[in-house]
Amino acid sequence: MPARKSTKSSTVTRNEAYVDTSALIAFADRSDTYHALFHRLFSEPPPLVTTPLVVAEGHAWFLKRYDIAKGLHFLSMVESMPLKILSVGPQEQRAATVFIRKYSDQDLTMTDATGLQVMASRRIRVCWSTDFHLGLTNVPLVIYS
């Protein structure tokens, strides 16, 4: 009997973790409360995914809080990480807008909502974030593990 064709999406990788801006900031900023945790996690990570919105938000955070050099250092750090940066197009933006409307009682950003959309569409079961908004759909935040 021939093997059954898989019904799972070929884009879904088992045990992926979604990486939010707060995890990247905590990893890069030694003064962050969660720096030690994310330093340990990034030393032996599972497959990691994020979006260009997260990268842009992190870059802006270092640029505004510190300076151009720290912003560039952040970008270099992200480029050197084993991090798959997923494309965000009109379809993902529309799906993220649905999350923003669904959780209209929260101050959910497009970056956060896109993260929720990515985790839902890829069936991701863990989120590397310190932002409680990323737990709205009951995907556990690694800081509570």
C-alpha atoms as a PDB file:
ATOM      1  CA  MET A   1       0.000   0.000   0.000  1.00  0.00           C
ATOM      2  CA  PRO A   2       1.461   3.426  -0.934  1.00  0.00           C
ATOM      3  CA  ALA A   3       2.232   5.927   1.793  1.00  0.00           C
ATOM      4  CA  ARG A   4      -0.420   8.558   2.427  1.00  0.00           C
ATOM      5  CA  LYS A   5       0.307  12.056   1.295  1.00  0.00           C
ATOM      6  CA  SER A   6       0.812  14.413   4.240  1.00  0.00           C
ATOM      7  CA  THR A   7      -1.974  16.869   4.904  1.00  0.00           C
ATOM      8  CA  LYS A   8       0.309  19.229   6.835  1.00  0.00           C
ATOM      9  CA  SER A   9       1.522  22.381   5.175  1.00  0.00           C
ATOM     10  CA  SER A  10       5.073  22.145   3.888  1.00  0.00           C
ATOM     11  CA  THR A  11       5.771  25.582   5.390  1.00  0.00           C
ATOM     12  CA  VAL A  12       5.204  24.374   8.952  1.00  0.00           C
ATOM     13  CA  THR A  13       8.299  23.215  10.761  1.00  0.00           C
ATOM     14  CA  ARG A  14       7.838  21.145  13.884  1.00  0.00           C
ATOM     15  CA  ASN A  15       8.810  22.887  17.127  1.00  0.00           C
ATOM     16  CA  GLU A  16       9.208  26.347  15.620  1.00  0.00           C
ATOM     17  CA  ALA A  17       9.245  29.281  18.015  1.00  0.00           C
ATOM     18  CA  TYR A  18       8.070  32.763  17.119  1.00  0.00           C
ATOM     19  CA  VAL A  19      10.511  35.516  18.118  1.00  0.00           C
ATOM     20  CA  ASP A  20       9.053  38.874  19.092  1.00  0.00           C
ATOM     21  CA  THR A  21      10.847  42.200  19.382  1.00  0.00           C
ATOM     22  CA  SER A  22      11.036  41.987  23.171  1.00  0.00           C
ATOM     23  CA  ALA A  23      13.037  38.743  22.985  1.00  0.00           C
ATOM     24  CA  LEU A  24      15.572  40.299  20.611  1.00  0.00           C
ATOM     25  CA  ILE A  25      15.871  43.407  22.782  1.00  0.00           C
ATOM     26  CA  ALA A  26      16.294  41.307  25.943  1.00  0.00           C
ATOM     27  CA  PHE A  27      18.998  39.248  24.233  1.00  0.00           C
ATOM     28  CA  ALA A  28      20.877  42.314  23.004  1.00  0.00           C
ATOM     29  CA  ASP A  29      20.476  44.541  26.082  1.00  0.00           C
ATOM     30  CA  ARG A  30      22.395  43.236  29.101  1.00  0.00           C
ATOM     31  CA  SER A  31      20.413  45.513  31.428  1.00  0.00           C
ATOM     32  CA  ASP A  32      17.128  43.806  30.473  1.00  0.00           C
ATOM     33  CA  THR A  33      15.444  41.704  33.176  1.00  0.00           C
ATOM     34  CA  TYR A  34      15.166  38.748  30.780  1.00  0.00           C
ATOM     35  CA  HIS A  35      18.658  38.980  29.261  1.00  0.00           C
ATOM     36  CA  ALA A  36      20.005  35.830  30.955  1.00  0.00           C
ATOM     37  CA  LEU A  37      16.978  33.773  29.897  1.00  0.00           C
ATOM     38  CA  PHE A  38      17.171  34.807  26.252  1.00  0.00           C
ATOM     39  CA  HIS A  39      20.957  34.480  26.205  1.00  0.00           C
ATOM     40  CA  ARG A  40      20.495  30.853  27.282  1.00  0.00           C
ATOM     41  CA  LEU A  41      17.634  30.211  24.841  1.00  0.00           C
ATOM     42  CA  PHE A  42      19.432  31.698  21.843  1.00  0.00           C
ATOM     43  CA  SER A  43      22.517  29.558  22.593  1.00  0.00           C
ATOM     44  CA  GLU A  44      20.673  26.370  21.515  1.00  0.00           C
ATOM     45  CA  PRO A  45      17.504  27.487  19.737  1.00  0.00           C
ATOM     46  CA  PRO A  46      14.827  25.469  17.989  1.00  0.00           C
ATOM     47  CA  PRO A  47      13.885  26.668  14.494  1.00  0.00           C
ATOM     48  CA  LEU A  48      13.062  30.366  14.924  1.00  0.00           C
ATOM     49  CA  VAL A  49      10.796  32.584  12.842  1.00  0.00           C
ATOM     50  CA  THR A  50       9.949  36.268  12.943  1.00  0.00           C
ATOM     51  CA  THR A  51       8.815  39.021  10.603  1.00  0.00           C
ATOM     52  CA  PRO A  52      10.413  42.125   9.080  1.00  0.00           C
ATOM     53  CA  LEU A  53       8.071  44.163  11.303  1.00  0.00           C
ATOM     54  CA  VAL A  54       9.805  42.753  14.391  1.00  0.00           C
ATOM     55  CA  VAL A  55      13.221  43.594  12.945  1.00  0.00           C
ATOM     56  CA  ALA A  56      12.064  47.130  12.103  1.00  0.00           C
ATOM     57  CA  GLU A  57      10.571  47.626  15.565  1.00  0.00           C
ATOM     58  CA  GLY A  58      13.765  46.414  17.269  1.00  0.00           C
ATOM     59  CA  HIS A  59      15.967  48.582  15.069  1.00  0.00           C
ATOM     60  CA  ALA A  60      13.798  51.622  15.844  1.00  0.00           C
ATOM     61  CA  TRP A  61      13.968  50.857  19.583  1.00  0.00           C
ATOM     62  CA  PHE A  62      17.788  50.861  19.608  1.00  0.00           C
ATOM     63  CA  LEU A  63      17.968  53.844  17.266  1.00  0.00           C
ATOM     64  CA  LYS A  64      15.677  55.995  19.420  1.00  0.00           C
ATOM     65  CA  ARG A  65      16.827  54.773  22.830  1.00  0.00           C
ATOM     66  CA  TYR A  66      20.551  54.830  22.032  1.00  0.00           C
ATOM     67  CA  ASP A  67      21.967  55.871  18.662  1.00  0.00           C
ATOM     68  CA  ILE A  68      22.676  54.941  15.050  1.00  0.00           C
ATOM     69  CA  ALA A  69      25.587  52.661  16.009  1.00  0.00           C
ATOM     70  CA  LYS A  70      23.406  50.595  18.387  1.00  0.00           C
ATOM     71  CA  GLY A  71      20.723  50.395  15.713  1.00  0.00           C
ATOM     72  CA  LEU A  72      23.245  49.056  13.209  1.00  0.00           C
ATOM     73  CA  HIS A  73      24.623  46.648  15.804  1.00  0.00           C
ATOM     74  CA  PHE A  74      21.091  45.323  16.334  1.00  0.00           C
ATOM     75  CA  LEU A  75      20.678  44.726  12.588  1.00  0.00           C
ATOM     76  CA  SER A  76      24.035  42.924  12.424  1.00  0.00           C
ATOM     77  CA  MET A  77      23.017  40.764  15.373  1.00  0.00           C
ATOM     78  CA  VAL A  78      19.758  39.775  13.669  1.00  0.00           C
ATOM     79  CA  GLU A  79      21.595  38.989  10.404  1.00  0.00           C
ATOM     80  CA  SER A  80      23.946  36.643  12.257  1.00  0.00           C
ATOM     81  CA  MET A  81      21.177  34.717  14.031  1.00  0.00           C
ATOM     82  CA  PRO A  82      19.583  31.452  12.889  1.00  0.00           C
ATOM     83  CA  LEU A  83      16.338  33.323  12.361  1.00  0.00           C
ATOM     84  CA  LYS A  84      13.971  32.809   9.438  1.00  0.00           C
ATOM     85  CA  ILE A  85      12.401  36.153   8.557  1.00  0.00           C
ATOM     86  CA  LEU A  86       9.030  35.503   6.959  1.00  0.00           C
ATOM     87  CA  SER A  87       7.555  37.768   4.311  1.00  0.00           C
ATOM     88  CA  VAL A  88       4.595  39.923   5.240  1.00  0.00           C
ATOM     89  CA  GLY A  89       2.334  40.828   2.355  1.00  0.00           C
ATOM     90  CA  PRO A  90      -1.213  42.105   1.892  1.00  0.00           C
ATOM     91  CA  GLN A  91      -2.768  38.763   2.896  1.00  0.00           C
ATOM     92  CA  GLU A  92      -0.860  38.649   6.202  1.00  0.00           C
ATOM     93  CA  GLN A  93      -1.664  42.306   6.834  1.00  0.00           C
ATOM     94  CA  ARG A  94      -5.382  41.668   6.311  1.00  0.00           C
ATOM     95  CA  ALA A  95      -5.250  38.680   8.679  1.00  0.00           C
ATOM     96  CA  ALA A  96      -3.401  40.777  11.269  1.00  0.00           C
ATOM     97  CA  THR A  97      -6.063  43.468  10.976  1.00  0.00           C
ATOM     98  CA  VAL A  98      -8.650  40.819  11.877  1.00  0.00           C
ATOM     99  CA  PHE A  99      -6.705  40.173  15.111  1.00  0.00           C
ATOM    100  CA  ILE A 100      -6.568  43.912  15.862  1.00  0.00           C
ATOM    101  CA  ARG A 101     -10.334  44.140  15.469  1.00  0.00           C
ATOM    102  CA  LYS A 102     -10.937  40.959  17.479  1.00  0.00           C
ATOM    103  CA  TYR A 103      -8.839  42.281  20.373  1.00  0.00           C
ATOM    104  CA  SER A 104      -9.911  45.914  20.037  1.00  0.00           C
ATOM    105  CA  ASP A 105      -9.901  46.251  23.827  1.00  0.00           C
ATOM    106  CA  GLN A 106      -6.094  45.826  23.720  1.00  0.00           C
ATOM    107  CA  ASP A 107      -3.455  48.254  22.428  1.00  0.00           C
ATOM    108  CA  LEU A 108      -2.310  45.685  19.894  1.00  0.00           C
ATOM    109  CA  THR A 109       0.187  46.934  17.301  1.00  0.00           C
ATOM    110  CA  MET A 110       0.340  45.701  13.713  1.00  0.00           C
ATOM    111  CA  THR A 111       3.635  44.019  14.650  1.00  0.00           C
ATOM    112  CA  ASP A 112       1.963  42.157  17.535  1.00  0.00           C
ATOM    113  CA  ALA A 113      -1.076  41.217  15.434  1.00  0.00           C
ATOM    114  CA  THR A 114       1.146  39.945  12.623  1.00  0.00           C
ATOM    115  CA  GLY A 115       2.960  37.797  15.180  1.00  0.00           C
ATOM    116  CA  LEU A 116      -0.379  36.347  16.315  1.00  0.00           C
ATOM    117  CA  GLN A 117      -1.267  35.668  12.669  1.00  0.00           C
ATOM    118  CA  VAL A 118       2.077  33.931  12.024  1.00  0.00           C
ATOM    119  CA  MET A 119       1.721  31.744  15.112  1.00  0.00           C
ATOM    120  CA  ALA A 120      -1.842  30.775  14.149  1.00  0.00           C
ATOM    121  CA  SER A 121      -1.099  30.030  10.493  1.00  0.00           C
ATOM    122  CA  ARG A 122       2.076  28.041  11.242  1.00  0.00           C
ATOM    123  CA  ARG A 123       0.601  26.341  14.327  1.00  0.00           C
ATOM    124  CA  ILE A 124       3.484  27.594  16.458  1.00  0.00           C
ATOM    125  CA  ARG A 125       3.237  26.443  20.056  1.00  0.00           C
ATOM    126  CA  VAL A 126       5.743  28.719  21.826  1.00  0.00           C
ATOM    127  CA  CYS A 127       6.437  32.426  21.655  1.00  0.00           C
ATOM    128  CA  TRP A 128       9.696  34.079  22.654  1.00  0.00           C
ATOM    129  CA  SER A 129       8.369  37.339  24.027  1.00  0.00           C
ATOM    130  CA  THR A 130       7.944  39.316  27.215  1.00  0.00           C
ATOM    131  CA  ASP A 131       4.870  41.098  25.827  1.00  0.00           C
ATOM    132  CA  PHE A 132       1.622  39.648  27.214  1.00  0.00           C
ATOM    133  CA  HIS A 133      -0.176  40.617  23.971  1.00  0.00           C
ATOM    134  CA  LEU A 134       1.598  37.762  22.199  1.00  0.00           C
ATOM    135  CA  GLY A 135      -0.145  35.346  24.565  1.00  0.00           C
ATOM    136  CA  LEU A 136      -3.678  36.491  23.662  1.00  0.00           C
ATOM    137  CA  THR A 137      -4.318  33.362  21.567  1.00  0.00           C
ATOM    138  CA  ASN A 138      -3.036  31.064  24.339  1.00  0.00           C
ATOM    139  CA  VAL A 139       0.320  30.336  22.737  1.00  0.00           C
ATOM    140  CA  PRO A 140       2.568  30.117  25.809  1.00  0.00           C
ATOM    141  CA  LEU A 141       5.203  32.792  26.319  1.00  0.00           C
ATOM    142  CA  VAL A 142       8.602  31.264  27.031  1.00  0.00           C
ATOM    143  CA  ILE A 143       9.075  33.550  30.050  1.00  0.00           C
ATOM    144  CA  TYR A 144       6.371  31.557  31.862  1.00  0.00           C
ATOM    145  CA  SER A 145       7.797  28.130  31.007  1.00  0.00           C
END
